[in-house]
Amino acid sequence: MMKSCRDSDELQDSRETATQRVHVFITGKVQGVFFRAETKKQALELGLKGWVRNLYDNRVEAVFEGSENDVGKMIVWCKKGPRFANVKGVEIAEEPPVNKLEDFEIRY
């Protein structure tokens, strides 16, 4: 059965409103380059909830929760990072949405 344009639009809408949660670990030169501050700025612009923090092994860890579309945009951004970052890798683990996060914060 062929899908109509309307069905396709509804499918797109459902992807944009379905909540997704990912837990990411970013490696490379990602500390001391404003990665956390810029991550928070990007996440808030996309309307995402979650948090970001530095790890003792020089990685950055973050959780993003929001629409699949916006989480996807955030992952793309993480693969590049802010201006002075040199991202070598991004590990991504999908998790069940919690829907209890109220904002996006930098954790210490």
PDB file of N, CA and C in Angstrom:
ATOM      1  N   MET A   1       0.841  -1.163   0.000  1.00  0.00           N
ATOM      2  CA  MET A   1       0.000   0.000   0.000  1.00  0.00           C
ATOM      3  C   MET A   1       0.896   1.239   0.000  1.00  0.00           C
ATOM      4  N   MET A   2       0.553   2.208  -0.837  1.00  0.00           N
ATOM      5  CA  MET A   2       1.323   3.443  -0.909  1.00  0.00           C
ATOM      6  C   MET A   2       0.904   4.391   0.203  1.00  0.00           C
ATOM      7  N   LYS A   3       1.870   5.097   0.733  1.00  0.00           N
ATOM      8  CA  LYS A   3       1.564   6.098   1.749  1.00  0.00           C
ATOM      9  C   LYS A   3       1.299   7.425   1.068  1.00  0.00           C
ATOM     10  N   SER A   4       0.302   8.099   1.542  1.00  0.00           N
ATOM     11  CA  SER A   4       0.007   9.420   1.004  1.00  0.00           C
ATOM     12  C   SER A   4       0.970  10.430   1.605  1.00  0.00           C
ATOM     13  N   CYS A   5       0.999  11.620   1.020  1.00  0.00           N
ATOM     14  CA  CYS A   5       1.837  12.692   1.580  1.00  0.00           C
ATOM     15  C   CYS A   5       1.424  12.978   3.015  1.00  0.00           C
ATOM     16  N   ARG A   6       0.139  12.902   3.274  1.00  0.00           N
ATOM     17  CA  ARG A   6      -0.353  13.173   4.623  1.00  0.00           C
ATOM     18  C   ARG A   6       0.205  12.145   5.605  1.00  0.00           C
ATOM     19  N   ASP A   7       0.201  10.851   5.212  1.00  0.00           N
ATOM     20  CA  ASP A   7       0.763   9.812   6.069  1.00  0.00           C
ATOM     21  C   ASP A   7       2.245  10.075   6.324  1.00  0.00           C
ATOM     22  N   SER A   8       2.944  10.495   5.280  1.00  0.00           N
ATOM     23  CA  SER A   8       4.363  10.791   5.404  1.00  0.00           C
ATOM     24  C   SER A   8       4.593  11.960   6.355  1.00  0.00           C
ATOM     25  N   ASP A   9       3.752  12.987   6.247  1.00  0.00           N
ATOM     26  CA  ASP A   9       3.861  14.140   7.147  1.00  0.00           C
ATOM     27  C   ASP A   9       3.605  13.727   8.585  1.00  0.00           C
ATOM     28  N   GLU A  10       2.619  12.858   8.808  1.00  0.00           N
ATOM     29  CA  GLU A  10       2.318  12.397  10.162  1.00  0.00           C
ATOM     30  C   GLU A  10       3.476  11.585  10.723  1.00  0.00           C
ATOM     31  N   LEU A  11       4.118  10.771   9.866  1.00  0.00           N
ATOM     32  CA  LEU A  11       5.270   9.993  10.291  1.00  0.00           C
ATOM     33  C   LEU A  11       6.406  10.929  10.694  1.00  0.00           C
ATOM     34  N   GLN A  12       6.656  11.962   9.879  1.00  0.00           N
ATOM     35  CA  GLN A  12       7.696  12.938  10.202  1.00  0.00           C
ATOM     36  C   GLN A  12       7.378  13.641  11.515  1.00  0.00           C
ATOM     37  N   ASP A  13       6.117  14.049  11.695  1.00  0.00           N
ATOM     38  CA  ASP A  13       5.710  14.722  12.928  1.00  0.00           C
ATOM     39  C   ASP A  13       5.937  13.833  14.139  1.00  0.00           C
ATOM     40  N   SER A  14       5.638  12.537  14.005  1.00  0.00           N
ATOM     41  CA  SER A  14       5.796  11.637  15.145  1.00  0.00           C
ATOM     42  C   SER A  14       7.270  11.485  15.505  1.00  0.00           C
ATOM     43  N   ARG A  15       8.180  11.518  14.501  1.00  0.00           N
ATOM     44  CA  ARG A  15       9.607  11.438  14.788  1.00  0.00           C
ATOM     45  C   ARG A  15      10.087  12.687  15.507  1.00  0.00           C
ATOM     46  N   GLU A  16       9.523  13.828  15.147  1.00  0.00           N
ATOM     47  CA  GLU A  16       9.944  15.078  15.765  1.00  0.00           C
ATOM     48  C   GLU A  16       9.435  15.191  17.194  1.00  0.00           C
ATOM     49  N   THR A  17       8.327  14.517  17.522  1.00  0.00           N
ATOM     50  CA  THR A  17       7.759  14.641  18.857  1.00  0.00           C
ATOM     51  C   THR A  17       8.079  13.444  19.748  1.00  0.00           C
ATOM     52  N   ALA A  18       8.529  12.327  19.169  1.00  0.00           N
ATOM     53  CA  ALA A  18       8.890  11.161  19.978  1.00  0.00           C
ATOM     54  C   ALA A  18      10.119  11.513  20.807  1.00  0.00           C
ATOM     55  N   THR A  19      10.078  11.185  22.090  1.00  0.00           N
ATOM     56  CA  THR A  19      11.190  11.501  22.974  1.00  0.00           C
ATOM     57  C   THR A  19      12.265  10.432  22.882  1.00  0.00           C
ATOM     58  N   GLN A  20      13.490  10.882  22.741  1.00  0.00           N
ATOM     59  CA  GLN A  20      14.653   9.998  22.675  1.00  0.00           C
ATOM     60  C   GLN A  20      15.643  10.450  23.738  1.00  0.00           C
ATOM     61  N   ARG A  21      16.381   9.502  24.278  1.00  0.00           N
ATOM     62  CA  ARG A  21      17.431   9.802  25.267  1.00  0.00           C
ATOM     63  C   ARG A  21      18.692   9.077  24.839  1.00  0.00           C
ATOM     64  N   VAL A  22      19.798   9.801  24.809  1.00  0.00           N
ATOM     65  CA  VAL A  22      21.085   9.190  24.510  1.00  0.00           C
ATOM     66  C   VAL A  22      22.096   9.604  25.559  1.00  0.00           C
ATOM     67  N   HIS A  23      23.033   8.706  25.807  1.00  0.00           N
ATOM     68  CA  HIS A  23      24.142   8.918  26.742  1.00  0.00           C
ATOM     69  C   HIS A  23      25.389   8.873  25.871  1.00  0.00           C
ATOM     70  N   VAL A  24      26.167   9.950  25.867  1.00  0.00           N
ATOM     71  CA  VAL A  24      27.318  10.014  24.975  1.00  0.00           C
ATOM     72  C   VAL A  24      28.610  10.244  25.754  1.00  0.00           C
ATOM     73  N   PHE A  25      29.694   9.727  25.194  1.00  0.00           N
ATOM     74  CA  PHE A  25      31.042   9.931  25.702  1.00  0.00           C
ATOM     75  C   PHE A  25      31.880  10.447  24.538  1.00  0.00           C
ATOM     76  N   ILE A  26      32.492  11.616  24.727  1.00  0.00           N
ATOM     77  CA  ILE A  26      33.229  12.277  23.662  1.00  0.00           C
ATOM     78  C   ILE A  26      34.707  12.262  24.014  1.00  0.00           C
ATOM     79  N   THR A  27      35.533  11.810  23.064  1.00  0.00           N
ATOM     80  CA  THR A  27      36.981  11.729  23.284  1.00  0.00           C
ATOM     81  C   THR A  27      37.710  12.671  22.345  1.00  0.00           C
ATOM     82  N   GLY A  28      38.927  12.990  22.722  1.00  0.00           N
ATOM     83  CA  GLY A  28      39.772  13.897  21.940  1.00  0.00           C
ATOM     84  C   GLY A  28      40.176  15.066  22.812  1.00  0.00           C
ATOM     85  N   LYS A  29      40.511  16.181  22.180  1.00  0.00           N
ATOM     86  CA  LYS A  29      40.799  17.409  22.935  1.00  0.00           C
ATOM     87  C   LYS A  29      39.457  18.084  23.185  1.00  0.00           C
ATOM     88  N   VAL A  30      38.826  17.685  24.291  1.00  0.00           N
ATOM     89  CA  VAL A  30      37.467  18.145  24.587  1.00  0.00           C
ATOM     90  C   VAL A  30      37.350  18.796  25.960  1.00  0.00           C
ATOM     91  N   GLN A  31      38.461  18.916  26.662  1.00  0.00           N
ATOM     92  CA  GLN A  31      38.456  19.644  27.938  1.00  0.00           C
ATOM     93  C   GLN A  31      39.360  20.863  27.802  1.00  0.00           C
ATOM     94  N   GLY A  32      38.945  21.953  28.445  1.00  0.00           N
ATOM     95  CA  GLY A  32      39.707  23.190  28.341  1.00  0.00           C
ATOM     96  C   GLY A  32      39.450  23.952  27.057  1.00  0.00           C
ATOM     97  N   VAL A  33      38.377  23.592  26.344  1.00  0.00           N
ATOM     98  CA  VAL A  33      38.043  24.250  25.071  1.00  0.00           C
ATOM     99  C   VAL A  33      36.584  24.719  25.058  1.00  0.00           C
ATOM    100  N   PHE A  34      36.009  24.903  26.243  1.00  0.00           N
ATOM    101  CA  PHE A  34      34.617  25.364  26.407  1.00  0.00           C
ATOM    102  C   PHE A  34      33.589  24.365  25.871  1.00  0.00           C
ATOM    103  N   PHE A  35      33.951  23.081  25.886  1.00  0.00           N
ATOM    104  CA  PHE A  35      33.044  22.061  25.354  1.00  0.00           C
ATOM    105  C   PHE A  35      31.741  22.006  26.158  1.00  0.00           C
ATOM    106  N   ARG A  36      31.838  22.014  27.487  1.00  0.00           N
ATOM    107  CA  ARG A  36      30.624  21.930  28.308  1.00  0.00           C
ATOM    108  C   ARG A  36      29.725  23.136  28.108  1.00  0.00           C
ATOM    109  N   ALA A  37      30.306  24.333  28.138  1.00  0.00           N
ATOM    110  CA  ALA A  37      29.504  25.555  27.976  1.00  0.00           C
ATOM    111  C   ALA A  37      28.832  25.596  26.609  1.00  0.00           C
ATOM    112  N   GLU A  38      29.559  25.238  25.576  1.00  0.00           N
ATOM    113  CA  GLU A  38      28.978  25.253  24.226  1.00  0.00           C
ATOM    114  C   GLU A  38      27.955  24.136  24.039  1.00  0.00           C
ATOM    115  N   THR A  39      28.184  23.003  24.707  1.00  0.00           N
ATOM    116  CA  THR A  39      27.203  21.917  24.651  1.00  0.00           C
ATOM    117  C   THR A  39      25.893  22.384  25.270  1.00  0.00           C
ATOM    118  N   LYS A  40      25.984  23.031  26.424  1.00  0.00           N
ATOM    119  CA  LYS A  40      24.777  23.545  27.075  1.00  0.00           C
ATOM    120  C   LYS A  40      24.063  24.550  26.182  1.00  0.00           C
ATOM    121  N   LYS A  41      24.810  25.456  25.579  1.00  0.00           N
ATOM    122  CA  LYS A  41      24.218  26.461  24.684  1.00  0.00           C
ATOM    123  C   LYS A  41      23.478  25.788  23.522  1.00  0.00           C
ATOM    124  N   GLN A  42      24.125  24.825  22.886  1.00  0.00           N
ATOM    125  CA  GLN A  42      23.507  24.114  21.757  1.00  0.00           C
ATOM    126  C   GLN A  42      22.268  23.350  22.201  1.00  0.00           C
ATOM    127  N   ALA A  43      22.373  22.662  23.326  1.00  0.00           N
ATOM    128  CA  ALA A  43      21.251  21.860  23.831  1.00  0.00           C
ATOM    129  C   ALA A  43      20.044  22.749  24.142  1.00  0.00           C
ATOM    130  N   LEU A  44      20.288  23.892  24.769  1.00  0.00           N
ATOM    131  CA  LEU A  44      19.184  24.805  25.092  1.00  0.00           C
ATOM    132  C   LEU A  44      18.557  25.372  23.824  1.00  0.00           C
ATOM    133  N   GLU A  45      19.371  25.686  22.821  1.00  0.00           N
ATOM    134  CA  GLU A  45      18.835  26.185  21.550  1.00  0.00           C
ATOM    135  C   GLU A  45      17.936  25.140  20.887  1.00  0.00           C
ATOM    136  N   LEU A  46      18.267  23.867  21.084  1.00  0.00           N
ATOM    137  CA  LEU A  46      17.467  22.783  20.502  1.00  0.00           C
ATOM    138  C   LEU A  46      16.305  22.354  21.403  1.00  0.00           C
ATOM    139  N   GLY A  47      16.238  22.916  22.595  1.00  0.00           N
ATOM    140  CA  GLY A  47      15.167  22.559  23.526  1.00  0.00           C
ATOM    141  C   GLY A  47      15.366  21.217  24.204  1.00  0.00           C
ATOM    142  N   LEU A  48      16.616  20.788  24.317  1.00  0.00           N
ATOM    143  CA  LEU A  48      16.904  19.490  24.927  1.00  0.00           C
ATOM    144  C   LEU A  48      17.049  19.615  26.436  1.00  0.00           C
ATOM    145  N   LYS A  49      16.797  18.522  27.119  1.00  0.00           N
ATOM    146  CA  LYS A  49      17.024  18.384  28.554  1.00  0.00           C
ATOM    147  C   LYS A  49      18.224  17.487  28.736  1.00  0.00           C
ATOM    148  N   GLY A  50      18.874  17.582  29.915  1.00  0.00           N
ATOM    149  CA  GLY A  50      19.988  16.684  30.195  1.00  0.00           C
ATOM    150  C   GLY A  50      21.095  17.358  30.940  1.00  0.00           C
ATOM    151  N   TRP A  51      22.307  16.852  30.733  1.00  0.00           N
ATOM    152  CA  TRP A  51      23.472  17.366  31.437  1.00  0.00           C
ATOM    153  C   TRP A  51      24.752  17.011  30.699  1.00  0.00           C
ATOM    154  N   VAL A  52      25.825  17.704  31.094  1.00  0.00           N
ATOM    155  CA  VAL A  52      27.150  17.452  30.532  1.00  0.00           C
ATOM    156  C   VAL A  52      28.174  17.625  31.645  1.00  0.00           C
ATOM    157  N   ARG A  53      29.260  16.835  31.599  1.00  0.00           N
ATOM    158  CA  ARG A  53      30.320  16.979  32.601  1.00  0.00           C
ATOM    159  C   ARG A  53      31.641  16.454  32.047  1.00  0.00           C
ATOM    160  N   ASN A  54      32.725  16.938  32.640  1.00  0.00           N
ATOM    161  CA  ASN A  54      34.056  16.420  32.343  1.00  0.00           C
ATOM    162  C   ASN A  54      34.274  15.158  33.158  1.00  0.00           C
ATOM    163  N   LEU A  55      35.042  14.230  32.605  1.00  0.00           N
ATOM    164  CA  LEU A  55      35.440  13.027  33.321  1.00  0.00           C
ATOM    165  C   LEU A  55      36.941  13.103  33.614  1.00  0.00           C
ATOM    166  N   TYR A  56      37.370  12.370  34.624  1.00  0.00           N
ATOM    167  CA  TYR A  56      38.774  12.382  35.024  1.00  0.00           C
ATOM    168  C   TYR A  56      39.708  11.801  33.974  1.00  0.00           C
ATOM    169  N   ASP A  57      39.172  11.043  33.025  1.00  0.00           N
ATOM    170  CA  ASP A  57      40.011  10.458  31.967  1.00  0.00           C
ATOM    171  C   ASP A  57      40.069  11.339  30.719  1.00  0.00           C
ATOM    172  N   ASN A  58      39.708  12.621  30.867  1.00  0.00           N
ATOM    173  CA  ASN A  58      39.768  13.630  29.806  1.00  0.00           C
ATOM    174  C   ASN A  58      38.669  13.517  28.757  1.00  0.00           C
ATOM    175  N   ARG A  59      37.675  12.690  29.002  1.00  0.00           N
ATOM    176  CA  ARG A  59      36.516  12.643  28.113  1.00  0.00           C
ATOM    177  C   ARG A  59      35.456  13.601  28.638  1.00  0.00           C
ATOM    178  N   VAL A  60      34.449  13.849  27.802  1.00  0.00           N
ATOM    179  CA  VAL A  60      33.248  14.567  28.220  1.00  0.00           C
ATOM    180  C   VAL A  60      32.093  13.580  28.130  1.00  0.00           C
ATOM    181  N   GLU A  61      31.243  13.591  29.147  1.00  0.00           N
ATOM    182  CA  GLU A  61      30.061  12.722  29.203  1.00  0.00           C
ATOM    183  C   GLU A  61      28.828  13.622  29.166  1.00  0.00           C
ATOM    184  N   ALA A  62      27.806  13.191  28.434  1.00  0.00           N
ATOM    185  CA  ALA A  62      26.579  13.980  28.370  1.00  0.00           C
ATOM    186  C   ALA A  62      25.374  13.071  28.169  1.00  0.00           C
ATOM    187  N   VAL A  63      24.230  13.576  28.619  1.00  0.00           N
ATOM    188  CA  VAL A  63      22.939  12.928  28.376  1.00  0.00           C
ATOM    189  C   VAL A  63      22.045  13.972  27.709  1.00  0.00           C
ATOM    190  N   PHE A  64      21.415  13.564  26.607  1.00  0.00           N
ATOM    191  CA  PHE A  64      20.499  14.443  25.887  1.00  0.00           C
ATOM    192  C   PHE A  64      19.142  13.764  25.794  1.00  0.00           C
ATOM    193  N   GLU A  65      18.095  14.510  26.084  1.00  0.00           N
ATOM    194  CA  GLU A  65      16.744  13.974  25.987  1.00  0.00           C
ATOM    195  C   GLU A  65      15.857  15.021  25.314  1.00  0.00           C
ATOM    196  N   GLY A  66      15.133  14.575  24.293  1.00  0.00           N
ATOM    197  CA  GLY A  66      14.250  15.464  23.543  1.00  0.00           C
ATOM    198  C   GLY A  66      13.739  14.752  22.304  1.00  0.00           C
ATOM    199  N   SER A  67      13.307  15.530  21.327  1.00  0.00           N
ATOM    200  CA  SER A  67      12.795  14.917  20.098  1.00  0.00           C
ATOM    201  C   SER A  67      13.935  14.204  19.375  1.00  0.00           C
ATOM    202  N   GLU A  68      13.599  13.147  18.654  1.00  0.00           N
ATOM    203  CA  GLU A  68      14.611  12.385  17.918  1.00  0.00           C
ATOM    204  C   GLU A  68      15.377  13.299  16.968  1.00  0.00           C
ATOM    205  N   ASN A  69      14.663  14.196  16.322  1.00  0.00           N
ATOM    206  CA  ASN A  69      15.271  15.115  15.370  1.00  0.00           C
ATOM    207  C   ASN A  69      16.314  16.000  16.060  1.00  0.00           C
ATOM    208  N   ASP A  70      15.940  16.594  17.184  1.00  0.00           N
ATOM    209  CA  ASP A  70      16.853  17.493  17.886  1.00  0.00           C
ATOM    210  C   ASP A  70      18.014  16.750  18.540  1.00  0.00           C
ATOM    211  N   VAL A  71      17.764  15.576  19.072  1.00  0.00           N
ATOM    212  CA  VAL A  71      18.856  14.762  19.634  1.00  0.00           C
ATOM    213  C   VAL A  71      19.845  14.412  18.520  1.00  0.00           C
ATOM    214  N   GLY A  72      19.319  14.083  17.356  1.00  0.00           N
ATOM    215  CA  GLY A  72      20.187  13.794  16.211  1.00  0.00           C
ATOM    216  C   GLY A  72      21.063  14.974  15.839  1.00  0.00           C
ATOM    217  N   LYS A  73      20.489  16.167  15.852  1.00  0.00           N
ATOM    218  CA  LYS A  73      21.268  17.382  15.565  1.00  0.00           C
ATOM    219  C   LYS A  73      22.353  17.586  16.613  1.00  0.00           C
ATOM    220  N   MET A  74      22.036  17.287  17.864  1.00  0.00           N
ATOM    221  CA  MET A  74      23.009  17.457  18.940  1.00  0.00           C
ATOM    222  C   MET A  74      24.165  16.482  18.782  1.00  0.00           C
ATOM    223  N   ILE A  75      23.871  15.261  18.386  1.00  0.00           N
ATOM    224  CA  ILE A  75      24.927  14.264  18.165  1.00  0.00           C
ATOM    225  C   ILE A  75      25.854  14.727  17.036  1.00  0.00           C
ATOM    226  N   VAL A  76      25.273  15.241  15.966  1.00  0.00           N
ATOM    227  CA  VAL A  76      26.089  15.762  14.864  1.00  0.00           C
ATOM    228  C   VAL A  76      27.000  16.870  15.374  1.00  0.00           C
ATOM    229  N   TRP A  77      26.458  17.769  16.199  1.00  0.00           N
ATOM    230  CA  TRP A  77      27.264  18.857  16.754  1.00  0.00           C
ATOM    231  C   TRP A  77      28.396  18.298  17.620  1.00  0.00           C
ATOM    232  N   CYS A  78      28.109  17.299  18.442  1.00  0.00           N
ATOM    233  CA  CYS A  78      29.121  16.714  19.330  1.00  0.00           C
ATOM    234  C   CYS A  78      30.290  16.127  18.549  1.00  0.00           C
ATOM    235  N   LYS A  79      30.042  15.645  17.364  1.00  0.00           N
ATOM    236  CA  LYS A  79      31.106  15.048  16.558  1.00  0.00           C
ATOM    237  C   LYS A  79      32.098  16.094  16.068  1.00  0.00           C
ATOM    238  N   LYS A  80      31.692  17.353  16.099  1.00  0.00           N
ATOM    239  CA  LYS A  80      32.588  18.450  15.727  1.00  0.00           C
ATOM    240  C   LYS A  80      33.021  19.235  16.969  1.00  0.00           C
ATOM    241  N   GLY A  81      32.061  19.594  17.816  1.00  0.00           N
ATOM    242  CA  GLY A  81      32.348  20.339  19.034  1.00  0.00           C
ATOM    243  C   GLY A  81      32.589  21.810  18.760  1.00  0.00           C
ATOM    244  N   PRO A  82      32.992  22.530  19.798  1.00  0.00           N
ATOM    245  CA  PRO A  82      33.266  23.955  19.641  1.00  0.00           C
ATOM    246  C   PRO A  82      34.568  24.195  18.867  1.00  0.00           C
ATOM    247  N   ARG A  83      34.823  25.430  18.586  1.00  0.00           N
ATOM    248  CA  ARG A  83      35.916  25.858  17.720  1.00  0.00           C
ATOM    249  C   ARG A  83      37.277  25.230  18.036  1.00  0.00           C
ATOM    250  N   PHE A  84      37.684  25.215  19.286  1.00  0.00           N
ATOM    251  CA  PHE A  84      39.031  24.759  19.632  1.00  0.00           C
ATOM    252  C   PHE A  84      39.103  23.276  20.006  1.00  0.00           C
ATOM    253  N   ALA A  85      37.993  22.586  19.917  1.00  0.00           N
ATOM    254  CA  ALA A  85      37.979  21.150  20.224  1.00  0.00           C
ATOM    255  C   ALA A  85      38.537  20.356  19.045  1.00  0.00           C
ATOM    256  N   ASN A  86      39.018  19.159  19.350  1.00  0.00           N
ATOM    257  CA  ASN A  86      39.451  18.220  18.323  1.00  0.00           C
ATOM    258  C   ASN A  86      38.857  16.862  18.718  1.00  0.00           C
ATOM    259  N   VAL A  87      37.623  16.626  18.272  1.00  0.00           N
ATOM    260  CA  VAL A  87      36.895  15.414  18.645  1.00  0.00           C
ATOM    261  C   VAL A  87      37.453  14.224  17.871  1.00  0.00           C
ATOM    262  N   LYS A  88      37.799  13.177  18.623  1.00  0.00           N
ATOM    263  CA  LYS A  88      38.323  11.948  18.011  1.00  0.00           C
ATOM    264  C   LYS A  88      37.239  10.872  17.912  1.00  0.00           C
ATOM    265  N   GLY A  89      36.268  10.906  18.830  1.00  0.00           N
ATOM    266  CA  GLY A  89      35.222   9.896  18.789  1.00  0.00           C
ATOM    267  C   GLY A  89      34.053  10.258  19.675  1.00  0.00           C
ATOM    268  N   VAL A  90      32.898   9.715  19.319  1.00  0.00           N
ATOM    269  CA  VAL A  90      31.687   9.892  20.109  1.00  0.00           C
ATOM    270  C   VAL A  90      31.019   8.528  20.250  1.00  0.00           C
ATOM    271  N   GLU A  91      30.969   8.034  21.491  1.00  0.00           N
ATOM    272  CA  GLU A  91      30.254   6.783  21.779  1.00  0.00           C
ATOM    273  C   GLU A  91      28.826   7.159  22.147  1.00  0.00           C
ATOM    274  N   ILE A  92      27.874   6.470  21.565  1.00  0.00           N
ATOM    275  CA  ILE A  92      26.456   6.802  21.784  1.00  0.00           C
ATOM    276  C   ILE A  92      25.716   5.561  22.255  1.00  0.00           C
ATOM    277  N   ALA A  93      25.005   5.693  23.373  1.00  0.00           N
ATOM    278  CA  ALA A  93      24.165   4.609  23.877  1.00  0.00           C
ATOM    279  C   ALA A  93      22.750   5.147  24.051  1.00  0.00           C
ATOM    280  N   GLU A  94      21.795   4.514  23.388  1.00  0.00           N
ATOM    281  CA  GLU A  94      20.401   4.913  23.585  1.00  0.00           C
ATOM    282  C   GLU A  94      19.893   4.346  24.901  1.00  0.00           C
ATOM    283  N   GLU A  95      19.095   5.148  25.592  1.00  0.00           N
ATOM    284  CA  GLU A  95      18.504   4.744  26.865  1.00  0.00           C
ATOM    285  C   GLU A  95      17.016   5.060  26.832  1.00  0.00           C
ATOM    286  N   PRO A  96      16.231   4.413  27.664  1.00  0.00           N
ATOM    287  CA  PRO A  96      14.810   4.754  27.722  1.00  0.00           C
ATOM    288  C   PRO A  96      14.645   6.190  28.254  1.00  0.00           C
ATOM    289  N   PRO A  97      13.774   6.986  27.641  1.00  0.00           N
ATOM    290  CA  PRO A  97      13.547   8.340  28.148  1.00  0.00           C
ATOM    291  C   PRO A  97      13.062   8.328  29.591  1.00  0.00           C
ATOM    292  N   VAL A  98      13.548   9.276  30.376  1.00  0.00           N
ATOM    293  CA  VAL A  98      13.175   9.388  31.775  1.00  0.00           C
ATOM    294  C   VAL A  98      12.055  10.408  31.955  1.00  0.00           C
ATOM    295  N   ASN A  99      12.088  11.469  31.138  1.00  0.00           N
ATOM    296  CA  ASN A  99      11.097  12.546  31.184  1.00  0.00           C
ATOM    297  C   ASN A  99      11.010  13.213  32.554  1.00  0.00           C
ATOM    298  N   LYS A 100      12.079  13.173  33.332  1.00  0.00           N
ATOM    299  CA  LYS A 100      12.092  13.832  34.640  1.00  0.00           C
ATOM    300  C   LYS A 100      13.077  14.991  34.663  1.00  0.00           C
ATOM    301  N   LEU A 101      13.839  15.143  33.588  1.00  0.00           N
ATOM    302  CA  LEU A 101      14.806  16.230  33.519  1.00  0.00           C
ATOM    303  C   LEU A 101      14.063  17.530  33.246  1.00  0.00           C
ATOM    304  N   GLU A 102      14.429  18.584  33.968  1.00  0.00           N
ATOM    305  CA  GLU A 102      13.719  19.843  33.834  1.00  0.00           C
ATOM    306  C   GLU A 102      14.449  20.852  32.954  1.00  0.00           C
ATOM    307  N   ASP A 103      15.755  20.690  32.777  1.00  0.00           N
ATOM    308  CA  ASP A 103      16.549  21.685  32.073  1.00  0.00           C
ATOM    309  C   ASP A 103      17.808  21.004  31.546  1.00  0.00           C
ATOM    310  N   PHE A 104      18.748  21.794  31.076  1.00  0.00           N
ATOM    311  CA  PHE A 104      20.046  21.257  30.704  1.00  0.00           C
ATOM    312  C   PHE A 104      21.081  21.917  31.594  1.00  0.00           C
ATOM    313  N   GLU A 105      21.931  21.110  32.223  1.00  0.00           N
ATOM    314  CA  GLU A 105      22.877  21.674  33.187  1.00  0.00           C
ATOM    315  C   GLU A 105      24.290  21.150  32.970  1.00  0.00           C
ATOM    316  N   ILE A 106      25.236  21.923  33.444  1.00  0.00           N
ATOM    317  CA  ILE A 106      26.625  21.480  33.518  1.00  0.00           C
ATOM    318  C   ILE A 106      26.810  20.900  34.904  1.00  0.00           C
ATOM    319  N   ARG A 107      27.292  19.668  34.952  1.00  0.00           N
ATOM    320  CA  ARG A 107      27.555  19.017  36.242  1.00  0.00           C
ATOM    321  C   ARG A 107      29.035  19.066  36.545  1.00  0.00           C
ATOM    322  N   TYR A 108      29.342  19.146  37.837  1.00  0.00           N
ATOM    323  CA  TYR A 108      30.734  19.224  38.279  1.00  0.00           C
ATOM    324  C   TYR A 108      31.072  18.064  39.175  1.00  0.00           C
TER     325      TYR A 108
END
